[in-house]
């Protein structure tokens, strides 16, 4: 009997020539499956499965795999290029005939805000008459100043909180009383204006000169404090001639303004 007819060495009859051949060669043949190879024991004989072991890497890539893969990639790229969107630059189109370089989105502007009224706007008219006004209360005099403007000379008396009750009176001569002493003082010019503020003092708060001389001004030649006593503060103005006045107050800071018309 042929050796391929036996499944193992145990099935070979004892004393046969086939057993002697197997023992002499030390090879355990497997009929129709593997070539004879040396194996000292049947349990150590290697076994081949009819399929590759799971996870084992293939012996080598088949020669036709790589060309097929590249062909599939080329077909996929061509399909995407034919069916996908066109990203190539095209001729510019401007809706409404507006230049695209100047086109922009909608503009959102804030609602208009009324600007604050600057000093000198909506002032009262000049009047050839005395004036009075102010608020009830106590205030400290901070400073006094004079300036020359187009069309008028201006005198300003500044306070710390409010403009107290005041009176502005014209007089034909620049002669004024010096408080309660009964003495008088004569200022520069030919006419005068007396400013009296009630419930005010500048004894500890006033800063600056109390005698302002401006011989170069057209109307206001001199301004001098003539009283600061028992809540009364008086300033006398010496004018080059009798003129009409414009008297008003301003806030932030509190100011009493006397404009003397020059034209």
C-alpha atoms as a PDB file:
ATOM      1  CA  UNK A   1       0.000   0.000   0.000  1.00  0.00           C
ATOM      2  CA  UNK A   2       1.181   3.520  -0.774  1.00  0.00           C
ATOM      3  CA  UNK A   3       2.254   5.831   2.118  1.00  0.00           C
ATOM      4  CA  UNK A   4      -0.356   8.406   1.109  1.00  0.00           C
ATOM      5  CA  UNK A   5      -3.129   6.006   2.129  1.00  0.00           C
ATOM      6  CA  UNK A   6      -2.206   6.312   5.845  1.00  0.00           C
ATOM      7  CA  UNK A   7      -3.260   9.161   8.015  1.00  0.00           C
ATOM      8  CA  UNK A   8      -0.496   8.737  10.595  1.00  0.00           C
ATOM      9  CA  UNK A   9       2.506   6.609  11.325  1.00  0.00           C
ATOM     10  CA  UNK A  10       0.477   4.588  13.813  1.00  0.00           C
ATOM     11  CA  UNK A  11      -1.658   3.154  11.018  1.00  0.00           C
ATOM     12  CA  UNK A  12       1.352   1.627   9.204  1.00  0.00           C
ATOM     13  CA  UNK A  13       1.527  -2.132   9.916  1.00  0.00           C
ATOM     14  CA  UNK A  14       4.385  -3.217  12.030  1.00  0.00           C
ATOM     15  CA  UNK A  15       7.143  -5.058  10.230  1.00  0.00           C
ATOM     16  CA  UNK A  16       6.233  -3.613   6.883  1.00  0.00           C
ATOM     17  CA  UNK A  17       8.790  -2.183   4.557  1.00  0.00           C
ATOM     18  CA  UNK A  18       7.005   1.174   4.665  1.00  0.00           C
ATOM     19  CA  UNK A  19       7.472   1.447   8.448  1.00  0.00           C
ATOM     20  CA  UNK A  20      11.123   0.658   8.096  1.00  0.00           C
ATOM     21  CA  UNK A  21      11.459   3.335   5.440  1.00  0.00           C
ATOM     22  CA  UNK A  22       9.738   5.919   7.603  1.00  0.00           C
ATOM     23  CA  UNK A  23      11.828   5.131  10.663  1.00  0.00           C
ATOM     24  CA  UNK A  24      14.998   5.241   8.649  1.00  0.00           C
ATOM     25  CA  UNK A  25      14.260   8.590   7.077  1.00  0.00           C
ATOM     26  CA  UNK A  26      12.662  10.246  10.147  1.00  0.00           C
ATOM     27  CA  UNK A  27      10.112  11.925   7.850  1.00  0.00           C
ATOM     28  CA  UNK A  28       6.392  11.916   8.549  1.00  0.00           C
ATOM     29  CA  UNK A  29       4.542  12.201   5.246  1.00  0.00           C
ATOM     30  CA  UNK A  30       1.077  13.694   4.986  1.00  0.00           C
ATOM     31  CA  UNK A  31      -0.763  12.216   2.101  1.00  0.00           C
ATOM     32  CA  UNK A  32      -1.637  14.719  -0.622  1.00  0.00           C
ATOM     33  CA  UNK A  33      -1.116  17.783   1.598  1.00  0.00           C
ATOM     34  CA  UNK A  34       2.537  18.451   2.410  1.00  0.00           C
ATOM     35  CA  UNK A  35       5.880  17.100   1.470  1.00  0.00           C
ATOM     36  CA  UNK A  36       7.702  14.828   3.809  1.00  0.00           C
ATOM     37  CA  UNK A  37       9.762  16.671   6.433  1.00  0.00           C
ATOM     38  CA  UNK A  38      11.683  15.627   9.473  1.00  0.00           C
ATOM     39  CA  UNK A  39       9.663  15.466  12.710  1.00  0.00           C
ATOM     40  CA  UNK A  40      10.744  13.448  15.738  1.00  0.00           C
ATOM     41  CA  UNK A  41       7.252  13.312  17.206  1.00  0.00           C
ATOM     42  CA  UNK A  42       3.832  13.400  15.666  1.00  0.00           C
ATOM     43  CA  UNK A  43       2.521  16.032  18.124  1.00  0.00           C
ATOM     44  CA  UNK A  44       5.287  18.474  17.115  1.00  0.00           C
ATOM     45  CA  UNK A  45       4.474  18.135  13.454  1.00  0.00           C
ATOM     46  CA  UNK A  46       3.591  21.495  11.845  1.00  0.00           C
ATOM     47  CA  UNK A  47       0.071  21.812  10.588  1.00  0.00           C
ATOM     48  CA  UNK A  48      -1.070  23.929   7.658  1.00  0.00           C
ATOM     49  CA  UNK A  49      -4.523  25.373   7.745  1.00  0.00           C
ATOM     50  CA  UNK A  50      -6.560  25.644   4.585  1.00  0.00           C
ATOM     51  CA  UNK A  51      -6.705  29.488   5.083  1.00  0.00           C
ATOM     52  CA  UNK A  52      -4.276  32.178   6.100  1.00  0.00           C
ATOM     53  CA  UNK A  53      -3.932  32.900   9.803  1.00  0.00           C
ATOM     54  CA  UNK A  54      -6.026  35.856  10.926  1.00  0.00           C
ATOM     55  CA  UNK A  55      -3.944  39.003  11.118  1.00  0.00           C
ATOM     56  CA  UNK A  56      -1.056  37.591   9.133  1.00  0.00           C
ATOM     57  CA  UNK A  57       0.333  39.832   6.464  1.00  0.00           C
ATOM     58  CA  UNK A  58       0.154  38.575   2.888  1.00  0.00           C
ATOM     59  CA  UNK A  59       3.343  37.176   1.470  1.00  0.00           C
ATOM     60  CA  UNK A  60       3.459  39.925  -1.087  1.00  0.00           C
ATOM     61  CA  UNK A  61       1.241  42.348  -2.962  1.00  0.00           C
ATOM     62  CA  UNK A  62      -0.209  40.935  -6.060  1.00  0.00           C
ATOM     63  CA  UNK A  63       1.190  42.555  -9.152  1.00  0.00           C
ATOM     64  CA  UNK A  64      -2.156  43.795 -10.422  1.00  0.00           C
ATOM     65  CA  UNK A  65      -3.253  45.577  -7.180  1.00  0.00           C
ATOM     66  CA  UNK A  66      -1.319  48.817  -7.675  1.00  0.00           C
ATOM     67  CA  UNK A  67      -2.413  49.553 -11.286  1.00  0.00           C
ATOM     68  CA  UNK A  68      -6.034  48.895 -10.342  1.00  0.00           C
ATOM     69  CA  UNK A  69      -5.835  51.283  -7.381  1.00  0.00           C
ATOM     70  CA  UNK A  70      -4.336  54.065  -9.459  1.00  0.00           C
ATOM     71  CA  UNK A  71      -6.983  53.512 -12.130  1.00  0.00           C
ATOM     72  CA  UNK A  72      -9.769  53.823  -9.535  1.00  0.00           C
ATOM     73  CA  UNK A  73      -8.226  57.035  -8.126  1.00  0.00           C
ATOM     74  CA  UNK A  74      -8.011  58.528 -11.615  1.00  0.00           C
ATOM     75  CA  UNK A  75     -11.654  57.660 -12.346  1.00  0.00           C
ATOM     76  CA  UNK A  76     -12.776  59.198  -9.023  1.00  0.00           C
ATOM     77  CA  UNK A  77     -10.871  62.444  -9.690  1.00  0.00           C
ATOM     78  CA  UNK A  78     -12.350  62.762 -13.157  1.00  0.00           C
ATOM     79  CA  UNK A  79     -15.889  62.225 -11.809  1.00  0.00           C
ATOM     80  CA  UNK A  80     -15.427  64.878  -9.116  1.00  0.00           C
ATOM     81  CA  UNK A  81     -13.993  67.337 -11.607  1.00  0.00           C
ATOM     82  CA  UNK A  82     -16.934  66.841 -13.949  1.00  0.00           C
ATOM     83  CA  UNK A  83     -19.719  66.974 -11.328  1.00  0.00           C
ATOM     84  CA  UNK A  84     -18.289  69.333  -8.674  1.00  0.00           C
ATOM     85  CA  UNK A  85     -18.747  73.130  -8.506  1.00  0.00           C
ATOM     86  CA  UNK A  86     -16.687  75.363 -10.716  1.00  0.00           C
ATOM     87  CA  UNK A  87     -14.137  77.328  -8.651  1.00  0.00           C
ATOM     88  CA  UNK A  88     -12.358  78.894 -11.592  1.00  0.00           C
ATOM     89  CA  UNK A  89     -12.494  82.718 -11.848  1.00  0.00           C
ATOM     90  CA  UNK A  90     -15.230  84.020 -14.076  1.00  0.00           C
ATOM     91  CA  UNK A  91     -16.175  87.356 -15.513  1.00  0.00           C
ATOM     92  CA  UNK A  92     -17.161  89.860 -12.824  1.00  0.00           C
ATOM     93  CA  UNK A  93     -20.782  90.795 -12.530  1.00  0.00           C
ATOM     94  CA  UNK A  94     -21.896  93.971 -10.782  1.00  0.00           C
ATOM     95  CA  UNK A  95     -25.617  94.245 -10.035  1.00  0.00           C
ATOM     96  CA  UNK A  96     -27.212  97.518 -10.951  1.00  0.00           C
ATOM     97  CA  UNK A  97     -24.181  98.717 -12.885  1.00  0.00           C
ATOM     98  CA  UNK A  98     -22.328  99.753  -9.702  1.00  0.00           C
ATOM     99  CA  UNK A  99     -18.601  99.474  -9.714  1.00  0.00           C
ATOM    100  CA  UNK A 100     -17.688  96.377  -7.712  1.00  0.00           C
ATOM    101  CA  UNK A 101     -14.643  98.111  -6.282  1.00  0.00           C
ATOM    102  CA  UNK A 102     -16.897 100.668  -4.568  1.00  0.00           C
ATOM    103  CA  UNK A 103     -19.712  98.327  -3.547  1.00  0.00           C
ATOM    104  CA  UNK A 104     -20.276  97.922   0.172  1.00  0.00           C
ATOM    105  CA  UNK A 105     -22.793  96.579   2.619  1.00  0.00           C
ATOM    106  CA  UNK A 106     -25.599  98.580   4.144  1.00  0.00           C
ATOM    107  CA  UNK A 107     -24.451 101.454   6.294  1.00  0.00           C
ATOM    108  CA  UNK A 108     -25.960 101.884   9.736  1.00  0.00           C
ATOM    109  CA  UNK A 109     -25.712 105.385  11.123  1.00  0.00           C
ATOM    110  CA  UNK A 110     -26.515 106.539  14.607  1.00  0.00           C
ATOM    111  CA  UNK A 111     -29.483 108.821  15.107  1.00  0.00           C
ATOM    112  CA  UNK A 112     -28.587 112.499  14.965  1.00  0.00           C
ATOM    113  CA  UNK A 113     -27.654 114.055  18.271  1.00  0.00           C
ATOM    114  CA  UNK A 114     -28.322 117.700  18.893  1.00  0.00           C
ATOM    115  CA  UNK A 115     -25.011 119.315  19.885  1.00  0.00           C
ATOM    116  CA  UNK A 116     -24.937 121.414  23.038  1.00  0.00           C
ATOM    117  CA  UNK A 117     -25.457 125.107  22.587  1.00  0.00           C
ATOM    118  CA  UNK A 118     -22.093 126.859  22.925  1.00  0.00           C
ATOM    119  CA  UNK A 119     -21.804 130.052  24.957  1.00  0.00           C
ATOM    120  CA  UNK A 120     -22.603 133.116  22.893  1.00  0.00           C
ATOM    121  CA  UNK A 121     -25.493 131.493  20.978  1.00  0.00           C
ATOM    122  CA  UNK A 122     -29.097 132.671  21.475  1.00  0.00           C
ATOM    123  CA  UNK A 123     -28.017 135.566  23.662  1.00  0.00           C
ATOM    124  CA  UNK A 124     -30.373 138.383  24.586  1.00  0.00           C
ATOM    125  CA  UNK A 125     -30.292 141.589  22.607  1.00  0.00           C
ATOM    126  CA  UNK A 126     -28.486 144.698  23.765  1.00  0.00           C
ATOM    127  CA  UNK A 127     -30.674 147.088  25.739  1.00  0.00           C
ATOM    128  CA  UNK A 128     -30.066 150.620  26.937  1.00  0.00           C
ATOM    129  CA  UNK A 129     -31.534 149.866  30.367  1.00  0.00           C
ATOM    130  CA  UNK A 130     -30.610 148.487  33.760  1.00  0.00           C
ATOM    131  CA  UNK A 131     -30.823 144.733  34.440  1.00  0.00           C
ATOM    132  CA  UNK A 132     -31.313 142.345  37.362  1.00  0.00           C
ATOM    133  CA  UNK A 133     -31.722 138.643  38.012  1.00  0.00           C
ATOM    134  CA  UNK A 134     -29.992 135.675  39.633  1.00  0.00           C
ATOM    135  CA  UNK A 135     -31.044 132.925  42.047  1.00  0.00           C
ATOM    136  CA  UNK A 136     -31.756 132.958  45.743  1.00  0.00           C
ATOM    137  CA  UNK A 137     -28.849 131.488  47.633  1.00  0.00           C
ATOM    138  CA  UNK A 138     -25.329 132.044  48.866  1.00  0.00           C
ATOM    139  CA  UNK A 139     -22.261 131.835  46.643  1.00  0.00           C
ATOM    140  CA  UNK A 140     -18.569 132.600  46.736  1.00  0.00           C
ATOM    141  CA  UNK A 141     -16.888 134.811  44.183  1.00  0.00           C
ATOM    142  CA  UNK A 142     -14.028 132.986  42.485  1.00  0.00           C
ATOM    143  CA  UNK A 143     -12.546 135.486  40.043  1.00  0.00           C
ATOM    144  CA  UNK A 144     -13.224 138.383  37.657  1.00  0.00           C
ATOM    145  CA  UNK A 145     -11.954 138.948  34.134  1.00  0.00           C
ATOM    146  CA  UNK A 146     -12.485 141.228  31.154  1.00  0.00           C
ATOM    147  CA  UNK A 147     -12.068 140.748  27.435  1.00  0.00           C
ATOM    148  CA  UNK A 148     -12.470 142.531  24.143  1.00  0.00           C
ATOM    149  CA  UNK A 149     -14.690 140.865  21.542  1.00  0.00           C
ATOM    150  CA  UNK A 150     -15.905 141.843  18.102  1.00  0.00           C
ATOM    151  CA  UNK A 151     -18.771 144.283  18.650  1.00  0.00           C
ATOM    152  CA  UNK A 152     -18.549 144.467  22.441  1.00  0.00           C
ATOM    153  CA  UNK A 153     -16.318 144.479  25.540  1.00  0.00           C
ATOM    154  CA  UNK A 154     -17.108 141.790  28.110  1.00  0.00           C
ATOM    155  CA  UNK A 155     -16.855 141.661  31.903  1.00  0.00           C
ATOM    156  CA  UNK A 156     -17.318 138.302  33.705  1.00  0.00           C
ATOM    157  CA  UNK A 157     -17.792 137.590  37.398  1.00  0.00           C
ATOM    158  CA  UNK A 158     -17.429 133.885  38.260  1.00  0.00           C
ATOM    159  CA  UNK A 159     -18.962 132.053  41.249  1.00  0.00           C
ATOM    160  CA  UNK A 160     -18.495 128.618  42.768  1.00  0.00           C
ATOM    161  CA  UNK A 161     -22.095 127.317  42.716  1.00  0.00           C
ATOM    162  CA  UNK A 162     -24.819 129.678  41.507  1.00  0.00           C
ATOM    163  CA  UNK A 163     -25.176 133.274  40.382  1.00  0.00           C
ATOM    164  CA  UNK A 164     -26.909 134.956  43.348  1.00  0.00           C
ATOM    165  CA  UNK A 165     -29.342 137.828  43.083  1.00  0.00           C
ATOM    166  CA  UNK A 166     -27.717 140.733  41.241  1.00  0.00           C
ATOM    167  CA  UNK A 167     -28.408 144.192  39.825  1.00  0.00           C
ATOM    168  CA  UNK A 168     -26.580 146.050  37.025  1.00  0.00           C
ATOM    169  CA  UNK A 169     -27.163 149.812  36.911  1.00  0.00           C
ATOM    170  CA  UNK A 170     -25.833 152.478  34.577  1.00  0.00           C
ATOM    171  CA  UNK A 171     -24.688 155.918  35.769  1.00  0.00           C
ATOM    172  CA  UNK A 172     -23.466 159.026  33.948  1.00  0.00           C
ATOM    173  CA  UNK A 173     -20.155 159.351  35.821  1.00  0.00           C
ATOM    174  CA  UNK A 174     -17.478 156.768  36.779  1.00  0.00           C
ATOM    175  CA  UNK A 175     -17.655 157.779  40.457  1.00  0.00           C
ATOM    176  CA  UNK A 176     -18.571 155.005  42.930  1.00  0.00           C
ATOM    177  CA  UNK A 177     -18.872 154.620  46.739  1.00  0.00           C
ATOM    178  CA  UNK A 178     -16.316 152.406  48.490  1.00  0.00           C
ATOM    179  CA  UNK A 179     -18.626 150.254  50.583  1.00  0.00           C
ATOM    180  CA  UNK A 180     -20.005 151.590  53.849  1.00  0.00           C
ATOM    181  CA  UNK A 181     -17.038 153.887  54.476  1.00  0.00           C
ATOM    182  CA  UNK A 182     -18.670 156.808  52.681  1.00  0.00           C
ATOM    183  CA  UNK A 183     -15.601 157.377  50.550  1.00  0.00           C
ATOM    184  CA  UNK A 184     -15.740 157.414  46.758  1.00  0.00           C
ATOM    185  CA  UNK A 185     -13.457 156.325  43.985  1.00  0.00           C
ATOM    186  CA  UNK A 186     -13.252 157.592  40.401  1.00  0.00           C
ATOM    187  CA  UNK A 187     -12.402 155.114  37.645  1.00  0.00           C
ATOM    188  CA  UNK A 188     -11.056 155.673  34.149  1.00  0.00           C
ATOM    189  CA  UNK A 189     -13.554 156.888  31.533  1.00  0.00           C
ATOM    190  CA  UNK A 190     -16.515 159.247  31.376  1.00  0.00           C
ATOM    191  CA  UNK A 191     -19.431 156.948  32.289  1.00  0.00           C
ATOM    192  CA  UNK A 192     -19.953 154.037  34.623  1.00  0.00           C
ATOM    193  CA  UNK A 193     -21.837 150.824  35.471  1.00  0.00           C
ATOM    194  CA  UNK A 194     -22.305 149.465  39.038  1.00  0.00           C
ATOM    195  CA  UNK A 195     -22.724 145.694  39.559  1.00  0.00           C
ATOM    196  CA  UNK A 196     -24.017 144.571  42.965  1.00  0.00           C
ATOM    197  CA  UNK A 197     -24.384 140.911  44.017  1.00  0.00           C
ATOM    198  CA  UNK A 198     -26.345 139.931  47.132  1.00  0.00           C
ATOM    199  CA  UNK A 199     -25.588 136.945  49.415  1.00  0.00           C
ATOM    200  CA  UNK A 200     -22.055 136.573  48.140  1.00  0.00           C
ATOM    201  CA  UNK A 201     -18.515 136.987  49.324  1.00  0.00           C
ATOM    202  CA  UNK A 202     -15.019 136.535  48.002  1.00  0.00           C
ATOM    203  CA  UNK A 203     -13.040 137.171  51.151  1.00  0.00           C
ATOM    204  CA  UNK A 204     -11.376 133.747  51.166  1.00  0.00           C
ATOM    205  CA  UNK A 205     -12.137 132.385  47.703  1.00  0.00           C
ATOM    206  CA  UNK A 206     -11.336 135.180  45.267  1.00  0.00           C
ATOM    207  CA  UNK A 207      -8.273 134.680  43.042  1.00  0.00           C
ATOM    208  CA  UNK A 208      -6.799 137.333  40.786  1.00  0.00           C
ATOM    209  CA  UNK A 209      -6.665 141.095  40.590  1.00  0.00           C
ATOM    210  CA  UNK A 210      -9.446 143.257  42.052  1.00  0.00           C
ATOM    211  CA  UNK A 211      -8.581 146.198  39.794  1.00  0.00           C
ATOM    212  CA  UNK A 212      -8.522 145.460  36.047  1.00  0.00           C
ATOM    213  CA  UNK A 213      -7.300 148.303  33.851  1.00  0.00           C
ATOM    214  CA  UNK A 214      -7.676 148.062  30.054  1.00  0.00           C
ATOM    215  CA  UNK A 215      -6.948 151.423  28.536  1.00  0.00           C
ATOM    216  CA  UNK A 216      -6.704 149.822  25.084  1.00  0.00           C
ATOM    217  CA  UNK A 217     -10.327 148.615  25.100  1.00  0.00           C
ATOM    218  CA  UNK A 218     -12.830 150.711  23.190  1.00  0.00           C
ATOM    219  CA  UNK A 219     -15.494 150.934  25.936  1.00  0.00           C
ATOM    220  CA  UNK A 220     -14.401 149.166  29.155  1.00  0.00           C
ATOM    221  CA  UNK A 221     -11.451 151.108  30.536  1.00  0.00           C
ATOM    222  CA  UNK A 222     -11.386 149.830  34.117  1.00  0.00           C
ATOM    223  CA  UNK A 223     -13.135 147.298  36.407  1.00  0.00           C
ATOM    224  CA  UNK A 224     -12.634 147.476  40.169  1.00  0.00           C
ATOM    225  CA  UNK A 225     -14.114 145.796  43.237  1.00  0.00           C
ATOM    226  CA  UNK A 226     -15.618 148.488  45.484  1.00  0.00           C
ATOM    227  CA  UNK A 227     -17.281 146.359  48.184  1.00  0.00           C
ATOM    228  CA  UNK A 228     -17.167 142.934  49.852  1.00  0.00           C
ATOM    229  CA  UNK A 229     -19.007 143.437  53.127  1.00  0.00           C
ATOM    230  CA  UNK A 230     -21.868 141.688  54.972  1.00  0.00           C
ATOM    231  CA  UNK A 231     -22.904 139.557  51.999  1.00  0.00           C
ATOM    232  CA  UNK A 232     -22.653 142.304  49.386  1.00  0.00           C
ATOM    233  CA  UNK A 233     -20.085 142.297  46.602  1.00  0.00           C
ATOM    234  CA  UNK A 234     -19.878 145.302  44.255  1.00  0.00           C
ATOM    235  CA  UNK A 235     -17.833 145.873  41.101  1.00  0.00           C
ATOM    236  CA  UNK A 236     -17.632 149.236  39.332  1.00  0.00           C
ATOM    237  CA  UNK A 237     -16.969 149.603  35.585  1.00  0.00           C
ATOM    238  CA  UNK A 238     -15.455 152.749  34.067  1.00  0.00           C
ATOM    239  CA  UNK A 239     -16.599 153.311  30.449  1.00  0.00           C
ATOM    240  CA  UNK A 240     -15.325 155.588  27.732  1.00  0.00           C
ATOM    241  CA  UNK A 241     -18.941 156.605  26.977  1.00  0.00           C
ATOM    242  CA  UNK A 242     -22.506 155.556  27.854  1.00  0.00           C
ATOM    243  CA  UNK A 243     -23.503 152.424  25.885  1.00  0.00           C
ATOM    244  CA  UNK A 244     -26.214 149.759  25.765  1.00  0.00           C
ATOM    245  CA  UNK A 245     -25.667 146.514  27.708  1.00  0.00           C
ATOM    246  CA  UNK A 246     -26.424 142.821  27.430  1.00  0.00           C
ATOM    247  CA  UNK A 247     -26.603 141.015  30.796  1.00  0.00           C
ATOM    248  CA  UNK A 248     -27.055 137.241  31.222  1.00  0.00           C
ATOM    249  CA  UNK A 249     -25.780 134.272  33.208  1.00  0.00           C
ATOM    250  CA  UNK A 250     -23.969 131.050  32.266  1.00  0.00           C
ATOM    251  CA  UNK A 251     -23.474 127.749  34.087  1.00  0.00           C
ATOM    252  CA  UNK A 252     -20.663 125.205  34.440  1.00  0.00           C
ATOM    253  CA  UNK A 253     -19.147 127.271  35.963  1.00  0.00           C
ATOM    254  CA  UNK A 254     -21.642 129.833  37.237  1.00  0.00           C
ATOM    255  CA  UNK A 255     -20.928 133.252  35.679  1.00  0.00           C
ATOM    256  CA  UNK A 256     -22.488 136.683  35.468  1.00  0.00           C
ATOM    257  CA  UNK A 257     -21.710 138.282  32.100  1.00  0.00           C
ATOM    258  CA  UNK A 258     -22.019 141.967  31.207  1.00  0.00           C
ATOM    259  CA  UNK A 259     -21.426 142.855  27.550  1.00  0.00           C
ATOM    260  CA  UNK A 260     -20.896 146.541  26.639  1.00  0.00           C
ATOM    261  CA  UNK A 261     -21.773 147.324  23.033  1.00  0.00           C
ATOM    262  CA  UNK A 262     -19.007 148.944  21.002  1.00  0.00           C
ATOM    263  CA  UNK A 263     -20.783 149.423  17.662  1.00  0.00           C
END
